[in-house]
């Protein structure tokens, strides 16, 4: 802030993923079950390739009342060209059933929205 007015761009400090099923607290709280990446675009010959850059410093917490998972970044991130969150198959429901494979969420440029890929 400068003289009471915001300056600069908005930054993200984390994400919350809401689930529609009861989850296993131990499985969803394991940071090893998630990958968080920023994305850059690289021109290769006549095509554009997405290059993933891992974000390694984040924590994971589970909120049982809402069956949601929060990924909190150690610092701030702007995701200028976007990113992605990958939920790996190790996340299980409270009945022990594994969620349906790997789930990828796309973070739009600037980090304004997250949508399933």
N, C-alpha and C. Protein backbone atom coordinates (compact mmCIF):
# COMPACT_ATOMS: atom_id res chain seq x y z
N UNK A 1 0.83 -1.19 0.00
CA UNK A 1 0.00 0.00 0.00
C UNK A 1 0.87 1.25 0.00
N UNK A 2 0.39 2.25 -0.68
CA UNK A 2 1.07 3.53 -0.70
C UNK A 2 0.01 4.60 -0.45
N UNK A 3 0.14 5.31 0.65
CA UNK A 3 -0.83 6.32 1.04
C UNK A 3 -2.25 5.75 1.10
N UNK A 4 -2.39 4.53 1.60
CA UNK A 4 -3.71 3.92 1.75
C UNK A 4 -4.30 3.32 0.49
N UNK A 5 -3.56 3.34 -0.61
CA UNK A 5 -4.06 2.77 -1.86
C UNK A 5 -3.22 1.56 -2.22
N UNK A 6 -3.87 0.47 -2.67
CA UNK A 6 -3.10 -0.71 -3.07
C UNK A 6 -2.25 -0.43 -4.31
N UNK A 7 -1.07 -1.00 -4.34
CA UNK A 7 -0.19 -0.89 -5.50
C UNK A 7 0.27 -2.28 -5.89
N UNK A 8 0.70 -2.45 -7.13
CA UNK A 8 1.20 -3.75 -7.56
C UNK A 8 0.08 -4.68 -7.96
N UNK A 9 0.44 -5.95 -8.13
CA UNK A 9 -0.51 -6.97 -8.56
C UNK A 9 -0.88 -7.86 -7.38
N UNK A 10 -2.05 -8.46 -7.50
CA UNK A 10 -2.48 -9.41 -6.48
C UNK A 10 -1.57 -10.63 -6.49
N UNK A 11 -1.30 -11.20 -5.32
CA UNK A 11 -0.50 -12.41 -5.23
C UNK A 11 -1.32 -13.47 -4.50
N UNK A 12 -0.99 -14.72 -4.75
CA UNK A 12 -1.67 -15.83 -4.11
C UNK A 12 -0.83 -16.36 -2.96
N UNK A 13 -1.52 -16.78 -1.91
CA UNK A 13 -0.82 -17.41 -0.80
C UNK A 13 -1.25 -18.87 -0.63
N UNK A 14 -2.22 -19.32 -1.41
CA UNK A 14 -2.65 -20.70 -1.31
C UNK A 14 -3.91 -20.98 -2.10
N UNK A 15 -4.37 -22.24 -2.04
CA UNK A 15 -5.55 -22.71 -2.76
C UNK A 15 -6.36 -23.59 -1.83
N UNK A 16 -7.67 -23.61 -2.01
CA UNK A 16 -8.53 -24.54 -1.29
C UNK A 16 -9.29 -25.37 -2.31
N UNK A 17 -9.22 -26.68 -2.19
CA UNK A 17 -9.93 -27.61 -3.05
C UNK A 17 -11.06 -28.22 -2.26
N UNK A 18 -12.30 -28.02 -2.70
CA UNK A 18 -13.46 -28.61 -2.03
C UNK A 18 -13.77 -29.95 -2.68
N UNK A 19 -14.05 -30.95 -1.85
CA UNK A 19 -14.33 -32.29 -2.34
C UNK A 19 -15.78 -32.64 -2.02
N UNK A 20 -16.36 -33.51 -2.83
CA UNK A 20 -17.75 -33.89 -2.62
C UNK A 20 -17.89 -35.25 -1.95
N UNK A 21 -16.88 -35.64 -1.19
CA UNK A 21 -16.93 -36.91 -0.49
C UNK A 21 -16.08 -36.84 0.77
N UNK A 22 -16.41 -37.63 1.78
CA UNK A 22 -15.57 -37.66 2.98
C UNK A 22 -14.18 -38.20 2.62
N UNK A 23 -13.16 -37.56 3.13
CA UNK A 23 -11.78 -37.93 2.80
C UNK A 23 -11.05 -38.48 4.01
N UNK A 24 -10.00 -39.21 3.76
CA UNK A 24 -9.11 -39.69 4.82
C UNK A 24 -8.16 -38.56 5.18
N UNK A 25 -8.24 -38.08 6.43
CA UNK A 25 -7.42 -36.94 6.86
C UNK A 25 -5.94 -37.21 6.67
N UNK A 26 -5.48 -38.42 6.98
CA UNK A 26 -4.06 -38.74 6.86
C UNK A 26 -3.61 -38.70 5.40
N UNK A 27 -4.44 -39.19 4.49
CA UNK A 27 -4.06 -39.25 3.08
C UNK A 27 -4.07 -37.87 2.43
N UNK A 28 -5.08 -37.06 2.75
CA UNK A 28 -5.16 -35.76 2.08
C UNK A 28 -4.20 -34.75 2.68
N UNK A 29 -3.72 -34.97 3.89
CA UNK A 29 -2.80 -34.03 4.53
C UNK A 29 -1.34 -34.25 4.15
N UNK A 30 -1.06 -35.28 3.37
CA UNK A 30 0.31 -35.60 2.96
C UNK A 30 0.70 -34.75 1.76
N UNK A 31 1.66 -33.81 1.91
CA UNK A 31 2.07 -32.97 0.78
C UNK A 31 2.60 -33.77 -0.41
N UNK A 32 3.06 -35.00 -0.16
CA UNK A 32 3.57 -35.84 -1.24
C UNK A 32 2.50 -36.28 -2.21
N UNK A 33 1.22 -36.08 -1.86
CA UNK A 33 0.13 -36.45 -2.75
C UNK A 33 -0.28 -35.33 -3.70
N UNK A 34 0.48 -34.23 -3.68
CA UNK A 34 0.15 -33.07 -4.51
C UNK A 34 1.41 -32.56 -5.21
N UNK A 35 1.22 -32.05 -6.41
CA UNK A 35 2.29 -31.35 -7.11
C UNK A 35 1.73 -29.98 -7.48
N UNK A 36 2.50 -28.95 -7.22
CA UNK A 36 2.11 -27.59 -7.54
C UNK A 36 3.20 -27.01 -8.43
N UNK A 37 2.80 -26.50 -9.60
CA UNK A 37 3.77 -26.02 -10.57
C UNK A 37 3.35 -24.68 -11.16
N UNK A 38 4.35 -23.85 -11.48
CA UNK A 38 4.10 -22.71 -12.34
C UNK A 38 4.38 -23.18 -13.76
N UNK A 39 3.84 -22.48 -14.74
CA UNK A 39 3.98 -22.89 -16.13
C UNK A 39 4.56 -21.73 -16.94
N UNK A 40 5.50 -22.06 -17.81
CA UNK A 40 5.95 -21.09 -18.81
C UNK A 40 5.76 -21.74 -20.18
N UNK A 41 5.70 -20.91 -21.18
CA UNK A 41 5.52 -21.38 -22.55
C UNK A 41 6.84 -21.20 -23.29
N UNK A 42 7.27 -22.27 -23.96
CA UNK A 42 8.53 -22.24 -24.70
C UNK A 42 8.24 -22.57 -26.16
N UNK A 43 8.75 -21.76 -27.06
CA UNK A 43 8.55 -22.02 -28.48
C UNK A 43 9.58 -23.03 -28.95
N UNK A 44 9.10 -24.15 -29.48
CA UNK A 44 9.96 -25.20 -30.01
C UNK A 44 9.55 -25.43 -31.46
N UNK A 45 10.45 -25.09 -32.35
CA UNK A 45 10.18 -25.15 -33.80
C UNK A 45 8.91 -24.36 -34.09
N UNK A 46 7.86 -25.00 -34.55
CA UNK A 46 6.64 -24.28 -34.90
C UNK A 46 5.52 -24.47 -33.88
N UNK A 47 5.84 -25.05 -32.74
CA UNK A 47 4.79 -25.27 -31.73
C UNK A 47 5.20 -24.64 -30.39
N UNK A 48 4.23 -24.53 -29.51
CA UNK A 48 4.48 -24.01 -28.17
C UNK A 48 4.37 -25.14 -27.17
N UNK A 49 5.36 -25.29 -26.32
CA UNK A 49 5.35 -26.31 -25.28
C UNK A 49 5.17 -25.68 -23.92
N UNK A 50 4.38 -26.33 -23.06
CA UNK A 50 4.23 -25.89 -21.68
C UNK A 50 5.35 -26.51 -20.86
N UNK A 51 6.06 -25.69 -20.09
CA UNK A 51 7.14 -26.18 -19.24
C UNK A 51 6.72 -25.97 -17.79
N UNK A 52 6.73 -27.05 -17.00
CA UNK A 52 6.33 -26.98 -15.59
C UNK A 52 7.54 -26.71 -14.71
N UNK A 53 7.35 -25.83 -13.73
CA UNK A 53 8.40 -25.50 -12.76
C UNK A 53 7.82 -25.76 -11.37
N UNK A 54 8.31 -26.79 -10.65
CA UNK A 54 7.72 -27.16 -9.35
C UNK A 54 7.82 -26.05 -8.31
N UNK A 55 6.74 -25.92 -7.55
CA UNK A 55 6.72 -25.08 -6.34
C UNK A 55 6.85 -26.07 -5.20
N UNK A 56 7.97 -26.03 -4.49
CA UNK A 56 8.24 -27.06 -3.49
C UNK A 56 7.83 -26.68 -2.07
N UNK A 57 7.69 -25.39 -1.80
CA UNK A 57 7.42 -24.96 -0.43
C UNK A 57 5.94 -24.65 -0.23
N UNK A 58 5.19 -25.70 0.19
CA UNK A 58 3.79 -25.50 0.54
C UNK A 58 3.39 -26.54 1.58
N UNK A 59 2.37 -26.20 2.36
CA UNK A 59 1.84 -27.12 3.36
C UNK A 59 0.42 -27.49 2.97
N UNK A 60 -0.05 -28.61 3.51
CA UNK A 60 -1.39 -29.10 3.20
C UNK A 60 -2.14 -29.32 4.50
N UNK A 61 -3.37 -28.80 4.58
CA UNK A 61 -4.23 -29.04 5.74
C UNK A 61 -5.60 -29.49 5.25
N UNK A 62 -6.25 -30.30 6.08
CA UNK A 62 -7.57 -30.84 5.75
C UNK A 62 -8.58 -30.27 6.73
N UNK A 63 -9.73 -29.82 6.22
CA UNK A 63 -10.83 -29.33 7.06
C UNK A 63 -11.98 -30.32 6.96
N UNK A 64 -12.19 -31.14 8.01
CA UNK A 64 -13.21 -32.19 7.92
C UNK A 64 -14.64 -31.68 7.75
N UNK A 65 -14.98 -30.55 8.35
CA UNK A 65 -16.35 -30.05 8.28
C UNK A 65 -16.80 -29.77 6.86
N UNK A 66 -15.89 -29.30 6.02
CA UNK A 66 -16.24 -28.98 4.63
C UNK A 66 -15.62 -29.95 3.64
N UNK A 67 -14.90 -30.96 4.14
CA UNK A 67 -14.16 -31.88 3.28
C UNK A 67 -13.39 -31.12 2.22
N UNK A 68 -12.56 -30.19 2.71
CA UNK A 68 -11.73 -29.39 1.80
C UNK A 68 -10.27 -29.53 2.18
N UNK A 69 -9.42 -29.32 1.20
CA UNK A 69 -7.98 -29.40 1.36
C UNK A 69 -7.41 -28.03 1.01
N UNK A 70 -6.54 -27.49 1.87
CA UNK A 70 -5.93 -26.20 1.61
C UNK A 70 -4.44 -26.39 1.40
N UNK A 71 -3.95 -25.91 0.27
CA UNK A 71 -2.52 -25.88 -0.03
C UNK A 71 -2.06 -24.46 0.22
N UNK A 72 -1.20 -24.26 1.22
CA UNK A 72 -0.73 -22.93 1.58
C UNK A 72 0.72 -22.78 1.15
N UNK A 73 0.97 -21.76 0.34
CA UNK A 73 2.32 -21.49 -0.15
C UNK A 73 3.18 -20.92 0.96
N UNK A 74 4.47 -21.24 0.95
CA UNK A 74 5.40 -20.71 1.96
C UNK A 74 5.59 -19.21 1.77
N UNK A 75 5.47 -18.74 0.54
CA UNK A 75 5.58 -17.31 0.23
C UNK A 75 4.41 -16.93 -0.66
N UNK A 76 4.59 -15.88 -1.42
CA UNK A 76 3.54 -15.48 -2.34
C UNK A 76 3.93 -15.84 -3.77
N UNK A 77 2.96 -15.98 -4.63
CA UNK A 77 3.19 -16.37 -6.01
C UNK A 77 2.18 -15.65 -6.89
N UNK A 78 2.59 -15.19 -8.05
CA UNK A 78 1.68 -14.48 -8.93
C UNK A 78 1.17 -15.34 -10.09
N UNK A 79 1.83 -16.43 -10.43
CA UNK A 79 1.48 -17.30 -11.55
C UNK A 79 1.21 -16.47 -12.81
N UNK A 80 2.20 -15.68 -13.25
CA UNK A 80 1.97 -14.77 -14.39
C UNK A 80 1.53 -15.48 -15.66
N UNK A 81 2.04 -16.65 -15.93
CA UNK A 81 1.64 -17.38 -17.14
C UNK A 81 0.83 -18.63 -16.80
N UNK A 82 0.37 -18.74 -15.59
CA UNK A 82 -0.47 -19.86 -15.18
C UNK A 82 0.31 -20.91 -14.40
N UNK A 83 -0.38 -22.02 -14.15
CA UNK A 83 0.23 -23.12 -13.41
C UNK A 83 -0.71 -24.30 -13.37
N UNK A 84 -0.38 -25.26 -12.52
CA UNK A 84 -1.28 -26.39 -12.35
C UNK A 84 -1.08 -27.04 -10.99
N UNK A 85 -2.17 -27.63 -10.49
CA UNK A 85 -2.14 -28.44 -9.27
C UNK A 85 -2.49 -29.86 -9.70
N UNK A 86 -1.65 -30.81 -9.31
CA UNK A 86 -1.90 -32.22 -9.63
C UNK A 86 -2.16 -32.96 -8.32
N UNK A 87 -3.33 -33.60 -8.23
CA UNK A 87 -3.67 -34.44 -7.07
C UNK A 87 -3.36 -35.87 -7.50
N UNK A 88 -2.39 -36.49 -6.84
CA UNK A 88 -1.93 -37.83 -7.22
C UNK A 88 -2.85 -38.90 -6.66
N UNK A 89 -2.77 -40.13 -7.16
CA UNK A 89 -3.68 -41.20 -6.74
C UNK A 89 -3.59 -41.62 -5.27
N UNK A 90 -2.65 -41.10 -4.47
CA UNK A 90 -2.54 -41.48 -3.07
C UNK A 90 -3.63 -40.91 -2.18
N UNK A 91 -4.43 -39.97 -2.67
CA UNK A 91 -5.51 -39.38 -1.88
C UNK A 91 -6.68 -40.35 -1.86
N UNK A 92 -7.16 -40.67 -0.66
CA UNK A 92 -8.24 -41.66 -0.53
C UNK A 92 -9.42 -41.10 0.25
N UNK A 93 -10.56 -41.73 0.02
CA UNK A 93 -11.75 -41.41 0.79
C UNK A 93 -11.65 -42.05 2.16
N UNK A 94 -12.54 -41.68 3.07
CA UNK A 94 -12.45 -42.24 4.43
C UNK A 94 -12.81 -43.72 4.45
N UNK A 95 -13.43 -44.23 3.39
CA UNK A 95 -13.73 -45.67 3.32
C UNK A 95 -12.53 -46.45 2.83
N UNK A 96 -11.44 -45.75 2.45
CA UNK A 96 -10.24 -46.40 1.96
C UNK A 96 -10.18 -46.47 0.45
N UNK A 97 -11.27 -46.08 -0.22
CA UNK A 97 -11.26 -46.13 -1.68
C UNK A 97 -10.40 -45.00 -2.23
N UNK A 98 -9.62 -45.32 -3.25
CA UNK A 98 -8.74 -44.34 -3.88
C UNK A 98 -9.57 -43.47 -4.82
N UNK A 99 -9.30 -42.18 -4.82
CA UNK A 99 -9.99 -41.30 -5.75
C UNK A 99 -9.63 -41.70 -7.17
N UNK A 100 -10.44 -41.32 -8.12
CA UNK A 100 -10.27 -41.74 -9.51
C UNK A 100 -8.99 -41.21 -10.14
N UNK A 101 -7.89 -41.90 -9.97
CA UNK A 101 -6.64 -41.57 -10.63
C UNK A 101 -6.09 -40.19 -10.32
N UNK A 102 -5.28 -39.69 -11.22
CA UNK A 102 -4.66 -38.39 -11.08
C UNK A 102 -5.63 -37.31 -11.56
N UNK A 103 -5.76 -36.24 -10.78
CA UNK A 103 -6.62 -35.12 -11.15
C UNK A 103 -5.75 -33.89 -11.32
N UNK A 104 -5.92 -33.19 -12.43
CA UNK A 104 -5.12 -32.00 -12.71
C UNK A 104 -6.05 -30.79 -12.78
N UNK A 105 -5.66 -29.73 -12.07
CA UNK A 105 -6.37 -28.47 -12.10
C UNK A 105 -5.46 -27.44 -12.75
N UNK A 106 -5.99 -26.68 -13.68
CA UNK A 106 -5.23 -25.64 -14.36
C UNK A 106 -5.42 -24.32 -13.64
N UNK A 107 -4.32 -23.63 -13.37
CA UNK A 107 -4.35 -22.30 -12.79
C UNK A 107 -4.21 -21.33 -13.95
N UNK A 108 -5.18 -20.44 -14.13
CA UNK A 108 -5.14 -19.51 -15.25
C UNK A 108 -4.04 -18.47 -15.05
N UNK A 109 -3.59 -17.84 -16.14
CA UNK A 109 -2.57 -16.79 -16.00
C UNK A 109 -2.99 -15.73 -15.00
N UNK A 110 -2.08 -15.38 -14.13
CA UNK A 110 -2.37 -14.42 -13.07
C UNK A 110 -2.96 -15.08 -11.84
N UNK A 111 -3.27 -16.38 -11.93
CA UNK A 111 -3.79 -17.12 -10.78
C UNK A 111 -5.20 -16.74 -10.38
N UNK A 112 -5.99 -16.22 -11.33
CA UNK A 112 -7.33 -15.74 -10.98
C UNK A 112 -8.35 -16.84 -10.86
N UNK A 113 -8.17 -17.96 -11.56
CA UNK A 113 -9.13 -19.07 -11.51
C UNK A 113 -8.41 -20.39 -11.54
N UNK A 114 -9.08 -21.41 -10.98
CA UNK A 114 -8.59 -22.79 -11.05
C UNK A 114 -9.72 -23.60 -11.65
N UNK A 115 -9.39 -24.43 -12.64
CA UNK A 115 -10.42 -25.25 -13.27
C UNK A 115 -9.86 -26.64 -13.56
N UNK A 116 -10.72 -27.67 -13.49
CA UNK A 116 -10.24 -29.01 -13.83
C UNK A 116 -9.77 -29.05 -15.27
N UNK A 117 -8.68 -29.78 -15.51
CA UNK A 117 -8.16 -29.89 -16.89
C UNK A 117 -8.87 -31.00 -17.62
